[in-house]
Amino acid sequence: IALGRRLYEFGLAYGERSLLLQEARPVLNVLRDETGE
């Protein structure tokens, strides 16, 4: 047995609804681009 794909749906929903992830994502991408790390 293994984890089911419905958990993936739950994870996507969490990512879309988490204010922390929403606000951090663009800043994280800029940080990566500025540092290369």
ModelCIF file with pLDDT and N, C-alpha, C, O atoms, coordinates in Angstrom:
data_MODEL
#
_entry.id   MODEL 
#
_entity.id                         1 
_entity.type                       polymer 
_entity.pdbx_number_of_molecules   1 
#
_entity_poly.entity_id                      1 
_entity_poly.type                           'polypeptide(L)' 
_entity_poly.nstd_linkage                   no 
_entity_poly.nstd_monomer                   no 
_entity_poly.pdbx_seq_one_letter_code       IALGRRLYEFGLAYGERSLLLQEARPVLNVLRDETGE 
_entity_poly.pdbx_seq_one_letter_code_can   IALGRRLYEFGLAYGERSLLLQEARPVLNVLRDETGE 
_entity_poly.pdbx_strand_id                 A 
#
loop_
_entity_poly_seq.entity_id 
_entity_poly_seq.num 
_entity_poly_seq.mon_id 
_entity_poly_seq.hetero 
1 1  ILE n 
1 2  ALA n 
1 3  LEU n 
1 4  GLY n 
1 5  ARG n 
1 6  ARG n 
1 7  LEU n 
1 8  TYR n 
1 9  GLU n 
1 10 PHE n 
1 11 GLY n 
1 12 LEU n 
1 13 ALA n 
1 14 TYR n 
1 15 GLY n 
1 16 GLU n 
1 17 ARG n 
1 18 SER n 
1 19 LEU n 
1 20 LEU n 
1 21 LEU n 
1 22 GLN n 
1 23 GLU n 
1 24 ALA n 
1 25 ARG n 
1 26 PRO n 
1 27 VAL n 
1 28 LEU n 
1 29 ASN n 
1 30 VAL n 
1 31 LEU n 
1 32 ARG n 
1 33 ASP n 
1 34 GLU n 
1 35 THR n 
1 36 GLY n 
1 37 GLU n 
#
_struct_asym.id          A 
_struct_asym.entity_id   1 
#
loop_
_ma_qa_metric.id 
_ma_qa_metric.mode 
_ma_qa_metric.name 
_ma_qa_metric.software_group_id 
_ma_qa_metric.type 
1 global pLDDT . pLDDT 
2 local  pLDDT . pLDDT 
#
_ma_qa_metric_global.metric_id      1 
_ma_qa_metric_global.metric_value   90.16 
_ma_qa_metric_global.model_id       1 
_ma_qa_metric_global.ordinal_id     1 
#
loop_
_ma_qa_metric_local.label_asym_id 
_ma_qa_metric_local.label_comp_id 
_ma_qa_metric_local.label_seq_id 
_ma_qa_metric_local.metric_id 
_ma_qa_metric_local.metric_value 
_ma_qa_metric_local.model_id 
_ma_qa_metric_local.ordinal_id 
A ILE 1  2 90.00 1 1  
A ALA 2  2 91.00 1 2  
A LEU 3  2 91.00 1 3  
A GLY 4  2 90.00 1 4  
A ARG 5  2 90.00 1 5  
A ARG 6  2 91.00 1 6  
A LEU 7  2 89.00 1 7  
A TYR 8  2 86.00 1 8  
A GLU 9  2 89.00 1 9  
A PHE 10 2 87.00 1 10 
A GLY 11 2 83.00 1 11 
A LEU 12 2 82.00 1 12 
A ALA 13 2 84.00 1 13 
A TYR 14 2 80.00 1 14 
A GLY 15 2 77.00 1 15 
A GLU 16 2 76.00 1 16 
A ARG 17 2 82.00 1 17 
A SER 18 2 85.00 1 18 
A LEU 19 2 90.00 1 19 
A LEU 20 2 93.00 1 20 
A LEU 21 2 93.00 1 21 
A GLN 22 2 92.00 1 22 
A GLU 23 2 94.00 1 23 
A ALA 24 2 95.00 1 24 
A ARG 25 2 95.00 1 25 
A PRO 26 2 96.00 1 26 
A VAL 27 2 96.00 1 27 
A LEU 28 2 96.00 1 28 
A ASN 29 2 96.00 1 29 
A VAL 30 2 96.00 1 30 
A LEU 31 2 96.00 1 31 
A ARG 32 2 95.00 1 32 
A ASP 33 2 95.00 1 33 
A GLU 34 2 94.00 1 34 
A THR 35 2 94.00 1 35 
A GLY 36 2 93.00 1 36 
A GLU 37 2 94.00 1 37 
#
loop_
_atom_site.group_PDB 
_atom_site.id 
_atom_site.type_symbol 
_atom_site.label_atom_id 
_atom_site.label_alt_id 
_atom_site.label_comp_id 
_atom_site.label_asym_id 
_atom_site.label_entity_id 
_atom_site.label_seq_id 
_atom_site.pdbx_PDB_ins_code 
_atom_site.Cartn_x 
_atom_site.Cartn_y 
_atom_site.Cartn_z 
_atom_site.occupancy 
_atom_site.B_iso_or_equiv 
_atom_site.pdbx_formal_charge 
_atom_site.auth_seq_id 
_atom_site.auth_comp_id 
_atom_site.auth_asym_id 
_atom_site.auth_atom_id 
_atom_site.pdbx_PDB_model_num 
ATOM 1   N N  . ILE A 1 1  ? 0.852  -1.186 0.000  1.00 90.00 ? 1  ILE A N  1 
ATOM 2   C CA . ILE A 1 1  ? 0.000  0.000  0.000  1.00 90.00 ? 1  ILE A CA 1 
ATOM 3   C C  . ILE A 1 1  ? 0.891  1.240  0.000  1.00 90.00 ? 1  ILE A C  1 
ATOM 4   O O  . ILE A 1 1  ? 2.057  1.186  0.391  1.00 90.00 ? 1  ILE A O  1 
ATOM 5   N N  . ALA A 1 2  ? 0.316  2.359  -0.447 1.00 91.00 ? 2  ALA A N  1 
ATOM 6   C CA . ALA A 1 2  ? 1.053  3.618  -0.515 1.00 91.00 ? 2  ALA A CA 1 
ATOM 7   C C  . ALA A 1 2  ? 0.071  4.768  -0.306 1.00 91.00 ? 2  ALA A C  1 
ATOM 8   O O  . ALA A 1 2  ? -1.143 4.566  -0.295 1.00 91.00 ? 2  ALA A O  1 
ATOM 9   N N  . LEU A 1 3  ? 0.600  5.949  -0.145 1.00 91.00 ? 3  LEU A N  1 
ATOM 10  C CA . LEU A 1 3  ? -0.252 7.124  -0.022 1.00 91.00 ? 3  LEU A CA 1 
ATOM 11  C C  . LEU A 1 3  ? -1.095 7.303  -1.276 1.00 91.00 ? 3  LEU A C  1 
ATOM 12  O O  . LEU A 1 3  ? -0.623 7.053  -2.386 1.00 91.00 ? 3  LEU A O  1 
ATOM 13  N N  . GLY A 1 4  ? -2.333 7.731  -1.103 1.00 90.00 ? 4  GLY A N  1 
ATOM 14  C CA . GLY A 1 4  ? -3.247 7.908  -2.224 1.00 90.00 ? 4  GLY A CA 1 
ATOM 15  C C  . GLY A 1 4  ? -3.192 9.302  -2.821 1.00 90.00 ? 4  GLY A C  1 
ATOM 16  O O  . GLY A 1 4  ? -2.752 10.256 -2.179 1.00 90.00 ? 4  GLY A O  1 
ATOM 17  N N  . ARG A 1 5  ? -3.644 9.400  -4.055 1.00 90.00 ? 5  ARG A N  1 
ATOM 18  C CA . ARG A 1 5  ? -3.545 10.673 -4.768 1.00 90.00 ? 5  ARG A CA 1 
ATOM 19  C C  . ARG A 1 5  ? -4.466 11.748 -4.200 1.00 90.00 ? 5  ARG A C  1 
ATOM 20  O O  . ARG A 1 5  ? -4.259 12.933 -4.459 1.00 90.00 ? 5  ARG A O  1 
ATOM 21  N N  . ARG A 1 6  ? -5.481 11.352 -3.431 1.00 91.00 ? 6  ARG A N  1 
ATOM 22  C CA . ARG A 1 6  ? -6.362 12.358 -2.865 1.00 91.00 ? 6  ARG A CA 1 
ATOM 23  C C  . ARG A 1 6  ? -5.618 13.251 -1.865 1.00 91.00 ? 6  ARG A C  1 
ATOM 24  O O  . ARG A 1 6  ? -5.971 14.414 -1.671 1.00 91.00 ? 6  ARG A O  1 
ATOM 25  N N  . LEU A 1 7  ? -4.588 12.689 -1.238 1.00 89.00 ? 7  LEU A N  1 
ATOM 26  C CA . LEU A 1 7  ? -3.766 13.494 -0.336 1.00 89.00 ? 7  LEU A CA 1 
ATOM 27  C C  . LEU A 1 7  ? -3.061 14.605 -1.105 1.00 89.00 ? 7  LEU A C  1 
ATOM 28  O O  . LEU A 1 7  ? -2.832 15.689 -0.570 1.00 89.00 ? 7  LEU A O  1 
ATOM 29  N N  . TYR A 1 8  ? -2.718 14.332 -2.365 1.00 86.00 ? 8  TYR A N  1 
ATOM 30  C CA . TYR A 1 8  ? -2.111 15.362 -3.218 1.00 86.00 ? 8  TYR A CA 1 
ATOM 31  C C  . TYR A 1 8  ? -3.098 16.511 -3.429 1.00 86.00 ? 8  TYR A C  1 
ATOM 32  O O  . TYR A 1 8  ? -2.714 17.680 -3.416 1.00 86.00 ? 8  TYR A O  1 
ATOM 33  N N  . GLU A 1 9  ? -4.354 16.170 -3.619 1.00 89.00 ? 9  GLU A N  1 
ATOM 34  C CA . GLU A 1 9  ? -5.371 17.206 -3.764 1.00 89.00 ? 9  GLU A CA 1 
ATOM 35  C C  . GLU A 1 9  ? -5.471 18.044 -2.500 1.00 89.00 ? 9  GLU A C  1 
ATOM 36  O O  . GLU A 1 9  ? -5.594 19.267 -2.565 1.00 89.00 ? 9  GLU A O  1 
ATOM 37  N N  . PHE A 1 10 ? -5.418 17.383 -1.349 1.00 87.00 ? 10 PHE A N  1 
ATOM 38  C CA . PHE A 1 10 ? -5.474 18.111 -0.089 1.00 87.00 ? 10 PHE A CA 1 
ATOM 39  C C  . PHE A 1 10 ? -4.276 19.042 0.046  1.00 87.00 ? 10 PHE A C  1 
ATOM 40  O O  . PHE A 1 10 ? -4.410 20.173 0.513  1.00 87.00 ? 10 PHE A O  1 
ATOM 41  N N  . GLY A 1 11 ? -3.093 18.557 -0.370 1.00 83.00 ? 11 GLY A N  1 
ATOM 42  C CA . GLY A 1 11 ? -1.891 19.385 -0.299 1.00 83.00 ? 11 GLY A CA 1 
ATOM 43  C C  . GLY A 1 11 ? -1.991 20.609 -1.191 1.00 83.00 ? 11 GLY A C  1 
ATOM 44  O O  . GLY A 1 11 ? -1.598 21.706 -0.795 1.00 83.00 ? 11 GLY A O  1 
ATOM 45  N N  . LEU A 1 12 ? -2.517 20.423 -2.396 1.00 82.00 ? 12 LEU A N  1 
ATOM 46  C CA . LEU A 1 12 ? -2.702 21.563 -3.290 1.00 82.00 ? 12 LEU A CA 1 
ATOM 47  C C  . LEU A 1 12 ? -3.674 22.580 -2.699 1.00 82.00 ? 12 LEU A C  1 
ATOM 48  O O  . LEU A 1 12 ? -3.454 23.788 -2.784 1.00 82.00 ? 12 LEU A O  1 
ATOM 49  N N  . ALA A 1 13 ? -4.736 22.081 -2.110 1.00 84.00 ? 13 ALA A N  1 
ATOM 50  C CA . ALA A 1 13 ? -5.718 22.979 -1.504 1.00 84.00 ? 13 ALA A CA 1 
ATOM 51  C C  . ALA A 1 13 ? -5.111 23.761 -0.351 1.00 84.00 ? 13 ALA A C  1 
ATOM 52  O O  . ALA A 1 13 ? -5.385 24.950 -0.183 1.00 84.00 ? 13 ALA A O  1 
ATOM 53  N N  . TYR A 1 14 ? -4.280 23.087 0.446  1.00 80.00 ? 14 TYR A N  1 
ATOM 54  C CA . TYR A 1 14 ? -3.628 23.781 1.558  1.00 80.00 ? 14 TYR A CA 1 
ATOM 55  C C  . TYR A 1 14 ? -2.722 24.886 1.026  1.00 80.00 ? 14 TYR A C  1 
ATOM 56  O O  . TYR A 1 14 ? -2.714 25.999 1.552  1.00 80.00 ? 14 TYR A O  1 
ATOM 57  N N  . GLY A 1 15 ? -1.951 24.570 -0.030 1.00 77.00 ? 15 GLY A N  1 
ATOM 58  C CA . GLY A 1 15 ? -1.053 25.568 -0.602 1.00 77.00 ? 15 GLY A CA 1 
ATOM 59  C C  . GLY A 1 15 ? -1.779 26.782 -1.138 1.00 77.00 ? 15 GLY A C  1 
ATOM 60  O O  . GLY A 1 15 ? -1.288 27.907 -1.041 1.00 77.00 ? 15 GLY A O  1 
ATOM 61  N N  . GLU A 1 16 ? -2.964 26.549 -1.709 1.00 76.00 ? 16 GLU A N  1 
ATOM 62  C CA . GLU A 1 16 ? -3.736 27.656 -2.279 1.00 76.00 ? 16 GLU A CA 1 
ATOM 63  C C  . GLU A 1 16 ? -4.380 28.520 -1.199 1.00 76.00 ? 16 GLU A C  1 
ATOM 64  O O  . GLU A 1 16 ? -4.634 29.704 -1.422 1.00 76.00 ? 16 GLU A O  1 
ATOM 65  N N  . ARG A 1 17 ? -4.645 27.938 -0.031 1.00 82.00 ? 17 ARG A N  1 
ATOM 66  C CA . ARG A 1 17 ? -5.391 28.658 0.999  1.00 82.00 ? 17 ARG A CA 1 
ATOM 67  C C  . ARG A 1 17 ? -4.517 29.180 2.132  1.00 82.00 ? 17 ARG A C  1 
ATOM 68  O O  . ARG A 1 17 ? -4.984 29.961 2.960  1.00 82.00 ? 17 ARG A O  1 
ATOM 69  N N  . SER A 1 18 ? -3.265 28.763 2.180  1.00 85.00 ? 18 SER A N  1 
ATOM 70  C CA . SER A 1 18 ? -2.367 29.216 3.246  1.00 85.00 ? 18 SER A CA 1 
ATOM 71  C C  . SER A 1 18 ? -1.852 30.615 2.924  1.00 85.00 ? 18 SER A C  1 
ATOM 72  O O  . SER A 1 18 ? -1.175 30.809 1.914  1.00 85.00 ? 18 SER A O  1 
ATOM 73  N N  . LEU A 1 19 ? -2.165 31.585 3.768  1.00 90.00 ? 19 LEU A N  1 
ATOM 74  C CA . LEU A 1 19 ? -1.694 32.956 3.559  1.00 90.00 ? 19 LEU A CA 1 
ATOM 75  C C  . LEU A 1 19 ? -0.170 33.005 3.610  1.00 90.00 ? 19 LEU A C  1 
ATOM 76  O O  . LEU A 1 19 ? 0.455  33.731 2.838  1.00 90.00 ? 19 LEU A O  1 
ATOM 77  N N  . LEU A 1 20 ? 0.426  32.237 4.517  1.00 93.00 ? 20 LEU A N  1 
ATOM 78  C CA . LEU A 1 20 ? 1.883  32.221 4.626  1.00 93.00 ? 20 LEU A CA 1 
ATOM 79  C C  . LEU A 1 20 ? 2.527  31.776 3.320  1.00 93.00 ? 20 LEU A C  1 
ATOM 80  O O  . LEU A 1 20 ? 3.462  32.420 2.844  1.00 93.00 ? 20 LEU A O  1 
ATOM 81  N N  . LEU A 1 21 ? 2.044  30.689 2.737  1.00 93.00 ? 21 LEU A N  1 
ATOM 82  C CA . LEU A 1 21 ? 2.626  30.190 1.493  1.00 93.00 ? 21 LEU A CA 1 
ATOM 83  C C  . LEU A 1 21 ? 2.363  31.146 0.335  1.00 93.00 ? 21 LEU A C  1 
ATOM 84  O O  . LEU A 1 21 ? 3.236  31.366 -0.505 1.00 93.00 ? 21 LEU A O  1 
ATOM 85  N N  . GLN A 1 22 ? 1.167  31.712 0.293  1.00 92.00 ? 22 GLN A N  1 
ATOM 86  C CA . GLN A 1 22 ? 0.836  32.647 -0.790 1.00 92.00 ? 22 GLN A CA 1 
ATOM 87  C C  . GLN A 1 22 ? 1.758  33.863 -0.771 1.00 92.00 ? 22 GLN A C  1 
ATOM 88  O O  . GLN A 1 22 ? 2.269  34.278 -1.811 1.00 92.00 ? 22 GLN A O  1 
ATOM 89  N N  . GLU A 1 23 ? 1.967  34.433 0.419  1.00 94.00 ? 23 GLU A N  1 
ATOM 90  C CA . GLU A 1 23 ? 2.770  35.650 0.516  1.00 94.00 ? 23 GLU A CA 1 
ATOM 91  C C  . GLU A 1 23 ? 4.263  35.355 0.412  1.00 94.00 ? 23 GLU A C  1 
ATOM 92  O O  . GLU A 1 23 ? 5.032  36.204 -0.039 1.00 94.00 ? 23 GLU A O  1 
ATOM 93  N N  . ALA A 1 24 ? 4.678  34.160 0.825  1.00 95.00 ? 24 ALA A N  1 
ATOM 94  C CA . ALA A 1 24 ? 6.107  33.838 0.807  1.00 95.00 ? 24 ALA A CA 1 
ATOM 95  C C  . ALA A 1 24 ? 6.599  33.418 -0.569 1.00 95.00 ? 24 ALA A C  1 
ATOM 96  O O  . ALA A 1 24 ? 7.761  33.649 -0.903 1.00 95.00 ? 24 ALA A O  1 
ATOM 97  N N  . ARG A 1 25 ? 5.736  32.806 -1.373 1.00 95.00 ? 25 ARG A N  1 
ATOM 98  C CA . ARG A 1 25 ? 6.183  32.211 -2.635 1.00 95.00 ? 25 ARG A CA 1 
ATOM 99  C C  . ARG A 1 25 ? 6.883  33.217 -3.555 1.00 95.00 ? 25 ARG A C  1 
ATOM 100 O O  . ARG A 1 25 ? 7.994  32.929 -3.999 1.00 95.00 ? 25 ARG A O  1 
ATOM 101 N N  . PRO A 1 26 ? 6.293  34.390 -3.869 1.00 96.00 ? 26 PRO A N  1 
ATOM 102 C CA . PRO A 1 26 ? 6.995  35.307 -4.773 1.00 96.00 ? 26 PRO A CA 1 
ATOM 103 C C  . PRO A 1 26 ? 8.300  35.841 -4.183 1.00 96.00 ? 26 PRO A C  1 
ATOM 104 O O  . PRO A 1 26 ? 9.270  36.046 -4.913 1.00 96.00 ? 26 PRO A O  1 
ATOM 105 N N  . VAL A 1 27 ? 8.331  36.065 -2.880 1.00 96.00 ? 27 VAL A N  1 
ATOM 106 C CA . VAL A 1 27 ? 9.559  36.547 -2.246 1.00 96.00 ? 27 VAL A CA 1 
ATOM 107 C C  . VAL A 1 27 ? 10.637 35.469 -2.308 1.00 96.00 ? 27 VAL A C  1 
ATOM 108 O O  . VAL A 1 27 ? 11.809 35.765 -2.538 1.00 96.00 ? 27 VAL A O  1 
ATOM 109 N N  . LEU A 1 28 ? 10.237 34.229 -2.103 1.00 96.00 ? 28 LEU A N  1 
ATOM 110 C CA . LEU A 1 28 ? 11.171 33.106 -2.174 1.00 96.00 ? 28 LEU A CA 1 
ATOM 111 C C  . LEU A 1 28 ? 11.801 33.009 -3.559 1.00 96.00 ? 28 LEU A C  1 
ATOM 112 O O  . LEU A 1 28 ? 13.004 32.781 -3.685 1.00 96.00 ? 28 LEU A O  1 
ATOM 113 N N  . ASN A 1 29 ? 10.989 33.184 -4.594 1.00 96.00 ? 29 ASN A N  1 
ATOM 114 C CA . ASN A 1 29 ? 11.499 33.097 -5.956 1.00 96.00 ? 29 ASN A CA 1 
ATOM 115 C C  . ASN A 1 29 ? 12.485 34.229 -6.259 1.00 96.00 ? 29 ASN A C  1 
ATOM 116 O O  . ASN A 1 29 ? 13.503 34.008 -6.913 1.00 96.00 ? 29 ASN A O  1 
ATOM 117 N N  . VAL A 1 30 ? 12.182 35.430 -5.786 1.00 96.00 ? 30 VAL A N  1 
ATOM 118 C CA . VAL A 1 30 ? 13.093 36.561 -5.988 1.00 96.00 ? 30 VAL A CA 1 
ATOM 119 C C  . VAL A 1 30 ? 14.401 36.317 -5.244 1.00 96.00 ? 30 VAL A C  1 
ATOM 120 O O  . VAL A 1 30 ? 15.479 36.595 -5.769 1.00 96.00 ? 30 VAL A O  1 
ATOM 121 N N  . LEU A 1 31 ? 14.307 35.797 -4.017 1.00 96.00 ? 31 LEU A N  1 
ATOM 122 C CA . LEU A 1 31 ? 15.504 35.499 -3.231 1.00 96.00 ? 31 LEU A CA 1 
ATOM 123 C C  . LEU A 1 31 ? 16.381 34.494 -3.969 1.00 96.00 ? 31 LEU A C  1 
ATOM 124 O O  . LEU A 1 31 ? 17.599 34.662 -4.032 1.00 96.00 ? 31 LEU A O  1 
ATOM 125 N N  . ARG A 1 32 ? 15.774 33.456 -4.523 1.00 95.00 ? 32 ARG A N  1 
ATOM 126 C CA . ARG A 1 32 ? 16.520 32.464 -5.302 1.00 95.00 ? 32 ARG A CA 1 
ATOM 127 C C  . ARG A 1 32 ? 17.201 33.115 -6.504 1.00 95.00 ? 32 ARG A C  1 
ATOM 128 O O  . ARG A 1 32 ? 18.364 32.834 -6.793 1.00 95.00 ? 32 ARG A O  1 
ATOM 129 N N  . ASP A 1 33 ? 16.466 33.992 -7.207 1.00 95.00 ? 33 ASP A N  1 
ATOM 130 C CA . ASP A 1 33 ? 17.033 34.629 -8.392 1.00 95.00 ? 33 ASP A CA 1 
ATOM 131 C C  . ASP A 1 33 ? 18.167 35.582 -8.040 1.00 95.00 ? 33 ASP A C  1 
ATOM 132 O O  . ASP A 1 33 ? 19.141 35.687 -8.785 1.00 95.00 ? 33 ASP A O  1 
ATOM 133 N N  . GLU A 1 34 ? 18.051 36.276 -6.915 1.00 94.00 ? 34 GLU A N  1 
ATOM 134 C CA . GLU A 1 34 ? 19.082 37.241 -6.513 1.00 94.00 ? 34 GLU A CA 1 
ATOM 135 C C  . GLU A 1 34 ? 20.356 36.554 -6.040 1.00 94.00 ? 34 GLU A C  1 
ATOM 136 O O  . GLU A 1 34 ? 21.458 37.045 -6.283 1.00 94.00 ? 34 GLU A O  1 
ATOM 137 N N  . THR A 1 35 ? 20.206 35.418 -5.366 1.00 94.00 ? 35 THR A N  1 
ATOM 138 C CA . THR A 1 35 ? 21.375 34.753 -4.791 1.00 94.00 ? 35 THR A CA 1 
ATOM 139 C C  . THR A 1 35 ? 21.888 33.595 -5.632 1.00 94.00 ? 35 THR A C  1 
ATOM 140 O O  . THR A 1 35 ? 23.059 33.225 -5.538 1.00 94.00 ? 35 THR A O  1 
ATOM 141 N N  . GLY A 1 36 ? 21.009 33.020 -6.458 1.00 93.00 ? 36 GLY A N  1 
ATOM 142 C CA . GLY A 1 36 ? 21.361 31.830 -7.210 1.00 93.00 ? 36 GLY A CA 1 
ATOM 143 C C  . GLY A 1 36 ? 21.290 30.557 -6.390 1.00 93.00 ? 36 GLY A C  1 
ATOM 144 O O  . GLY A 1 36 ? 21.503 29.467 -6.919 1.00 93.00 ? 36 GLY A O  1 
ATOM 145 N N  . GLU A 1 37 ? 20.988 30.683 -5.089 1.00 94.00 ? 37 GLU A N  1 
ATOM 146 C CA . GLU A 1 37 ? 20.984 29.539 -4.192 1.00 94.00 ? 37 GLU A CA 1 
ATOM 147 C C  . GLU A 1 37 ? 19.562 29.020 -3.942 1.00 94.00 ? 37 GLU A C  1 
ATOM 148 O O  . GLU A 1 37 ? 19.378 28.053 -3.203 1.00 94.00 ? 37 GLU A O  1 
#
